């Protein structure tokens, strides 16, 4: 069964996007591929977490 994909957009700082573009170019992939891989890695690293790491920092925990 084919997986359904959802299109979304994000706003990034110019410097971050430039780094993503350079990484994509160096590896002959699209910027979308780099961002997808980063999101997938982030989600797999945080399996089972109920709170984002940034939320804990903001609340002083």
PDB file of N, CA and C in Angstrom:
ATOM      1  N   UNK A   1       0.844  -1.181   0.000  1.00  0.00           N
ATOM      2  CA  UNK A   1       0.000   0.000   0.000  1.00  0.00           C
ATOM      3  C   UNK A   1       0.891   1.247   0.000  1.00  0.00           C
ATOM      4  N   UNK A   2       0.585   2.190  -0.863  1.00  0.00           N
ATOM      5  CA  UNK A   2       1.385   3.416  -0.961  1.00  0.00           C
ATOM      6  C   UNK A   2       1.133   4.312   0.242  1.00  0.00           C
ATOM      7  N   UNK A   3       2.200   4.912   0.708  1.00  0.00           N
ATOM      8  CA  UNK A   3       2.072   5.855   1.823  1.00  0.00           C
ATOM      9  C   UNK A   3       1.623   7.199   1.289  1.00  0.00           C
ATOM     10  N   UNK A   4       0.805   7.855   2.044  1.00  0.00           N
ATOM     11  CA  UNK A   4       0.313   9.168   1.656  1.00  0.00           C
ATOM     12  C   UNK A   4       1.256  10.219   2.217  1.00  0.00           C
ATOM     13  N   UNK A   5       1.631  11.171   1.398  1.00  0.00           N
ATOM     14  CA  UNK A   5       2.504  12.262   1.827  1.00  0.00           C
ATOM     15  C   UNK A   5       1.697  13.543   1.911  1.00  0.00           C
ATOM     16  N   UNK A   6       2.068  14.382   2.854  1.00  0.00           N
ATOM     17  CA  UNK A   6       1.428  15.674   3.048  1.00  0.00           C
ATOM     18  C   UNK A   6       2.455  16.755   2.779  1.00  0.00           C
ATOM     19  N   UNK A   7       2.083  17.733   1.987  1.00  0.00           N
ATOM     20  CA  UNK A   7       2.981  18.857   1.698  1.00  0.00           C
ATOM     21  C   UNK A   7       2.802  19.909   2.788  1.00  0.00           C
ATOM     22  N   UNK A   8       3.914  20.465   3.236  1.00  0.00           N
ATOM     23  CA  UNK A   8       3.882  21.526   4.237  1.00  0.00           C
ATOM     24  C   UNK A   8       4.962  22.540   3.909  1.00  0.00           C
ATOM     25  N   UNK A   9       4.954  23.641   4.599  1.00  0.00           N
ATOM     26  CA  UNK A   9       6.021  24.623   4.388  1.00  0.00           C
ATOM     27  C   UNK A   9       6.505  25.122   5.740  1.00  0.00           C
ATOM     28  N   UNK A  10       7.742  25.522   5.772  1.00  0.00           N
ATOM     29  CA  UNK A  10       8.344  26.068   6.987  1.00  0.00           C
ATOM     30  C   UNK A  10       9.129  27.318   6.614  1.00  0.00           C
ATOM     31  N   UNK A  11       9.300  28.175   7.580  1.00  0.00           N
ATOM     32  CA  UNK A  11      10.130  29.356   7.394  1.00  0.00           C
ATOM     33  C   UNK A  11      11.415  29.131   8.169  1.00  0.00           C
ATOM     34  N   UNK A  12      12.539  29.276   7.478  1.00  0.00           N
ATOM     35  CA  UNK A  12      13.847  29.046   8.084  1.00  0.00           C
ATOM     36  C   UNK A  12      14.672  30.320   8.026  1.00  0.00           C
ATOM     37  N   UNK A  13      15.580  30.466   8.981  1.00  0.00           N
ATOM     38  CA  UNK A  13      16.529  31.579   8.863  1.00  0.00           C
ATOM     39  C   UNK A  13      17.352  31.394   7.581  1.00  0.00           C
ATOM     40  N   UNK A  14      17.722  32.493   6.965  1.00  0.00           N
ATOM     41  CA  UNK A  14      18.453  32.447   5.701  1.00  0.00           C
ATOM     42  C   UNK A  14      19.720  31.591   5.804  1.00  0.00           C
ATOM     43  N   UNK A  15      20.431  31.731   6.897  1.00  0.00           N
ATOM     44  CA  UNK A  15      21.682  30.976   7.073  1.00  0.00           C
ATOM     45  C   UNK A  15      21.419  29.464   7.135  1.00  0.00           C
ATOM     46  N   UNK A  16      20.371  29.074   7.842  1.00  0.00           N
ATOM     47  CA  UNK A  16      20.039  27.646   7.929  1.00  0.00           C
ATOM     48  C   UNK A  16      19.703  27.089   6.553  1.00  0.00           C
ATOM     49  N   UNK A  17      18.917  27.843   5.799  1.00  0.00           N
ATOM     50  CA  UNK A  17      18.552  27.378   4.463  1.00  0.00           C
ATOM     51  C   UNK A  17      19.775  27.278   3.559  1.00  0.00           C
ATOM     52  N   UNK A  18      20.683  28.235   3.682  1.00  0.00           N
ATOM     53  CA  UNK A  18      21.908  28.199   2.876  1.00  0.00           C
ATOM     54  C   UNK A  18      22.724  26.948   3.205  1.00  0.00           C
ATOM     55  N   UNK A  19      22.777  26.584   4.481  1.00  0.00           N
ATOM     56  CA  UNK A  19      23.507  25.373   4.886  1.00  0.00           C
ATOM     57  C   UNK A  19      22.829  24.126   4.335  1.00  0.00           C
ATOM     58  N   UNK A  20      21.500  24.110   4.358  1.00  0.00           N
ATOM     59  CA  UNK A  20      20.756  22.977   3.807  1.00  0.00           C
ATOM     60  C   UNK A  20      20.995  22.872   2.306  1.00  0.00           C
ATOM     61  N   UNK A  21      20.972  24.001   1.620  1.00  0.00           N
ATOM     62  CA  UNK A  21      21.234  24.002   0.174  1.00  0.00           C
ATOM     63  C   UNK A  21      22.630  23.467  -0.128  1.00  0.00           C
ATOM     64  N   UNK A  22      23.624  23.910   0.630  1.00  0.00           N
ATOM     65  CA  UNK A  22      24.998  23.460   0.406  1.00  0.00           C
ATOM     66  C   UNK A  22      25.119  21.954   0.645  1.00  0.00           C
ATOM     67  N   UNK A  23      24.487  21.473   1.694  1.00  0.00           N
ATOM     68  CA  UNK A  23      24.515  20.046   2.010  1.00  0.00           C
ATOM     69  C   UNK A  23      23.838  19.240   0.900  1.00  0.00           C
ATOM     70  N   UNK A  24      22.710  19.727   0.437  1.00  0.00           N
ATOM     71  CA  UNK A  24      21.990  19.041  -0.640  1.00  0.00           C
ATOM     72  C   UNK A  24      22.822  19.005  -1.917  1.00  0.00           C
ATOM     73  N   UNK A  25      23.400  20.138  -2.254  1.00  0.00           N
ATOM     74  CA  UNK A  25      24.213  20.223  -3.466  1.00  0.00           C
ATOM     75  C   UNK A  25      25.420  19.282  -3.392  1.00  0.00           C
ATOM     76  N   UNK A  26      26.079  19.257  -2.248  1.00  0.00           N
ATOM     77  CA  UNK A  26      27.267  18.422  -2.071  1.00  0.00           C
ATOM     78  C   UNK A  26      26.940  16.933  -2.177  1.00  0.00           C
ATOM     79  N   UNK A  27      25.688  16.578  -1.882  1.00  0.00           N
ATOM     80  CA  UNK A  27      25.286  15.172  -1.902  1.00  0.00           C
ATOM     81  C   UNK A  27      24.352  14.829  -3.058  1.00  0.00           C
ATOM     82  N   UNK A  28      24.188  15.784  -3.972  1.00  0.00           N
ATOM     83  CA  UNK A  28      23.367  15.584  -5.168  1.00  0.00           C
ATOM     84  C   UNK A  28      21.944  15.123  -4.838  1.00  0.00           C
ATOM     85  N   UNK A  29      21.347  15.793  -3.849  1.00  0.00           N
ATOM     86  CA  UNK A  29      19.952  15.540  -3.478  1.00  0.00           C
ATOM     87  C   UNK A  29      19.240  16.886  -3.388  1.00  0.00           C
ATOM     88  N   UNK A  30      17.940  16.856  -3.237  1.00  0.00           N
ATOM     89  CA  UNK A  30      17.175  18.101  -3.136  1.00  0.00           C
ATOM     90  C   UNK A  30      17.175  18.623  -1.699  1.00  0.00           C
ATOM     91  N   UNK A  31      16.878  19.906  -1.570  1.00  0.00           N
ATOM     92  CA  UNK A  31      16.750  20.473  -0.221  1.00  0.00           C
ATOM     93  C   UNK A  31      15.587  19.801   0.509  1.00  0.00           C
ATOM     94  N   UNK A  32      14.530  19.474  -0.215  1.00  0.00           N
ATOM     95  CA  UNK A  32      13.388  18.788   0.399  1.00  0.00           C
ATOM     96  C   UNK A  32      13.823  17.449   0.991  1.00  0.00           C
ATOM     97  N   UNK A  33      14.691  16.722   0.285  1.00  0.00           N
ATOM     98  CA  UNK A  33      15.170  15.430   0.779  1.00  0.00           C
ATOM     99  C   UNK A  33      15.941  15.617   2.084  1.00  0.00           C
ATOM    100  N   UNK A  34      16.818  16.618   2.127  1.00  0.00           N
ATOM    101  CA  UNK A  34      17.607  16.876   3.344  1.00  0.00           C
ATOM    102  C   UNK A  34      16.674  17.194   4.508  1.00  0.00           C
ATOM    103  N   UNK A  35      15.694  18.039   4.277  1.00  0.00           N
ATOM    104  CA  UNK A  35      14.767  18.426   5.345  1.00  0.00           C
ATOM    105  C   UNK A  35      13.932  17.232   5.789  1.00  0.00           C
ATOM    106  N   UNK A  36      13.442  16.427   4.839  1.00  0.00           N
ATOM    107  CA  UNK A  36      12.681  15.222   5.202  1.00  0.00           C
ATOM    108  C   UNK A  36      13.509  14.284   6.068  1.00  0.00           C
ATOM    109  N   UNK A  37      14.759  14.057   5.666  1.00  0.00           N
ATOM    110  CA  UNK A  37      15.624  13.163   6.439  1.00  0.00           C
ATOM    111  C   UNK A  37      15.867  13.705   7.841  1.00  0.00           C
ATOM    112  N   UNK A  38      16.053  15.020   7.953  1.00  0.00           N
ATOM    113  CA  UNK A  38      16.275  15.638   9.266  1.00  0.00           C
ATOM    114  C   UNK A  38      15.049  15.468  10.161  1.00  0.00           C
ATOM    115  N   UNK A  39      13.870  15.658   9.604  1.00  0.00           N
ATOM    116  CA  UNK A  39      12.633  15.500  10.381  1.00  0.00           C
ATOM    117  C   UNK A  39      12.459  14.046  10.804  1.00  0.00           C
ATOM    118  N   UNK A  40      12.662  13.119   9.882  1.00  0.00           N
ATOM    119  CA  UNK A  40      12.536  11.699  10.218  1.00  0.00           C
ATOM    120  C   UNK A  40      13.519  11.295  11.311  1.00  0.00           C
ATOM    121  N   UNK A  41      14.751  11.777  11.227  1.00  0.00           N
ATOM    122  CA  UNK A  41      15.760  11.471  12.243  1.00  0.00           C
ATOM    123  C   UNK A  41      15.358  12.056  13.590  1.00  0.00           C
ATOM    124  N   UNK A  42      14.887  13.294  13.590  1.00  0.00           N
ATOM    125  CA  UNK A  42      14.457  13.957  14.822  1.00  0.00           C
ATOM    126  C   UNK A  42      13.330  13.171  15.480  1.00  0.00           C
ATOM    127  N   UNK A  43      12.367  12.748  14.693  1.00  0.00           N
ATOM    128  CA  UNK A  43      11.242  11.997  15.240  1.00  0.00           C
ATOM    129  C   UNK A  43      11.668  10.627  15.752  1.00  0.00           C
ATOM    130  N   UNK A  44      12.552   9.948  15.049  1.00  0.00           N
ATOM    131  CA  UNK A  44      12.981   8.623  15.508  1.00  0.00           C
ATOM    132  C   UNK A  44      13.855   8.722  16.752  1.00  0.00           C
ATOM    133  N   UNK A  45      14.635   9.785  16.879  1.00  0.00           N
ATOM    134  CA  UNK A  45      15.463   9.975  18.076  1.00  0.00           C
ATOM    135  C   UNK A  45      14.619  10.285  19.303  1.00  0.00           C
ATOM    136  N   UNK A  46      13.443  10.859  19.106  1.00  0.00           N
ATOM    137  CA  UNK A  46      12.607  11.269  20.225  1.00  0.00           C
ATOM    138  C   UNK A  46      11.428  10.362  20.482  1.00  0.00           C
ATOM    139  N   UNK A  47      11.493   9.128  20.002  1.00  0.00           N
ATOM    140  CA  UNK A  47      10.387   8.196  20.180  1.00  0.00           C
ATOM    141  C   UNK A  47      10.060   8.063  21.667  1.00  0.00           C
ATOM    142  N   UNK A  48       8.801   8.224  21.989  1.00  0.00           N
ATOM    143  CA  UNK A  48       8.361   8.081  23.371  1.00  0.00           C
ATOM    144  C   UNK A  48       8.401   9.371  24.169  1.00  0.00           C
ATOM    145  N   UNK A  49       9.028  10.400  23.644  1.00  0.00           N
ATOM    146  CA  UNK A  49       9.053  11.666  24.371  1.00  0.00           C
ATOM    147  C   UNK A  49       7.705  12.346  24.237  1.00  0.00           C
ATOM    148  N   UNK A  50       7.241  12.898  25.332  1.00  0.00           N
ATOM    149  CA  UNK A  50       5.969  13.601  25.309  1.00  0.00           C
ATOM    150  C   UNK A  50       6.176  15.101  25.210  1.00  0.00           C
ATOM    151  N   UNK A  51       7.370  15.549  25.480  1.00  0.00           N
ATOM    152  CA  UNK A  51       7.645  16.976  25.510  1.00  0.00           C
ATOM    153  C   UNK A  51       8.826  17.293  24.611  1.00  0.00           C
ATOM    154  N   UNK A  52       8.717  18.377  23.880  1.00  0.00           N
ATOM    155  CA  UNK A  52       9.838  18.804  23.053  1.00  0.00           C
ATOM    156  C   UNK A  52      10.962  19.314  23.938  1.00  0.00           C
ATOM    157  N   UNK A  53      12.206  19.062  23.570  1.00  0.00           N
ATOM    158  CA  UNK A  53      13.335  19.539  24.373  1.00  0.00           C
ATOM    159  C   UNK A  53      13.296  21.052  24.588  1.00  0.00           C
ATOM    160  N   UNK A  54      12.853  21.805  23.595  1.00  0.00           N
ATOM    161  CA  UNK A  54      12.809  23.258  23.730  1.00  0.00           C
ATOM    162  C   UNK A  54      11.789  23.699  24.765  1.00  0.00           C
ATOM    163  N   UNK A  55      10.689  22.970  24.905  1.00  0.00           N
ATOM    164  CA  UNK A  55       9.661  23.327  25.881  1.00  0.00           C
ATOM    165  C   UNK A  55      10.218  23.233  27.298  1.00  0.00           C
ATOM    166  N   UNK A  56      11.037  22.233  27.559  1.00  0.00           N
ATOM    167  CA  UNK A  56      11.635  22.077  28.890  1.00  0.00           C
ATOM    168  C   UNK A  56      12.584  23.225  29.192  1.00  0.00           C
ATOM    169  N   UNK A  57      13.356  23.642  28.200  1.00  0.00           N
ATOM    170  CA  UNK A  57      14.288  24.757  28.397  1.00  0.00           C
ATOM    171  C   UNK A  57      13.557  26.055  28.684  1.00  0.00           C
ATOM    172  N   UNK A  58      12.465  26.282  27.980  1.00  0.00           N
ATOM    173  CA  UNK A  58      11.706  27.523  28.161  1.00  0.00           C
ATOM    174  C   UNK A  58      11.076  27.604  29.539  1.00  0.00           C
ATOM    175  N   UNK A  59      10.629  26.460  30.064  1.00  0.00           N
ATOM    176  CA  UNK A  59       9.955  26.476  31.359  1.00  0.00           C
ATOM    177  C   UNK A  59      10.936  26.379  32.518  1.00  0.00           C
ATOM    178  N   UNK A  60      12.239  26.285  32.212  1.00  0.00           N
ATOM    179  CA  UNK A  60      13.259  26.254  33.258  1.00  0.00           C
ATOM    180  C   UNK A  60      13.431  24.913  33.929  1.00  0.00           C
ATOM    181  N   UNK A  61      12.954  23.856  33.321  1.00  0.00           N
ATOM    182  CA  UNK A  61      13.095  22.508  33.911  1.00  0.00           C
ATOM    183  C   UNK A  61      14.455  21.931  33.668  1.00  0.00           C
TER     184      UNK A  61
END
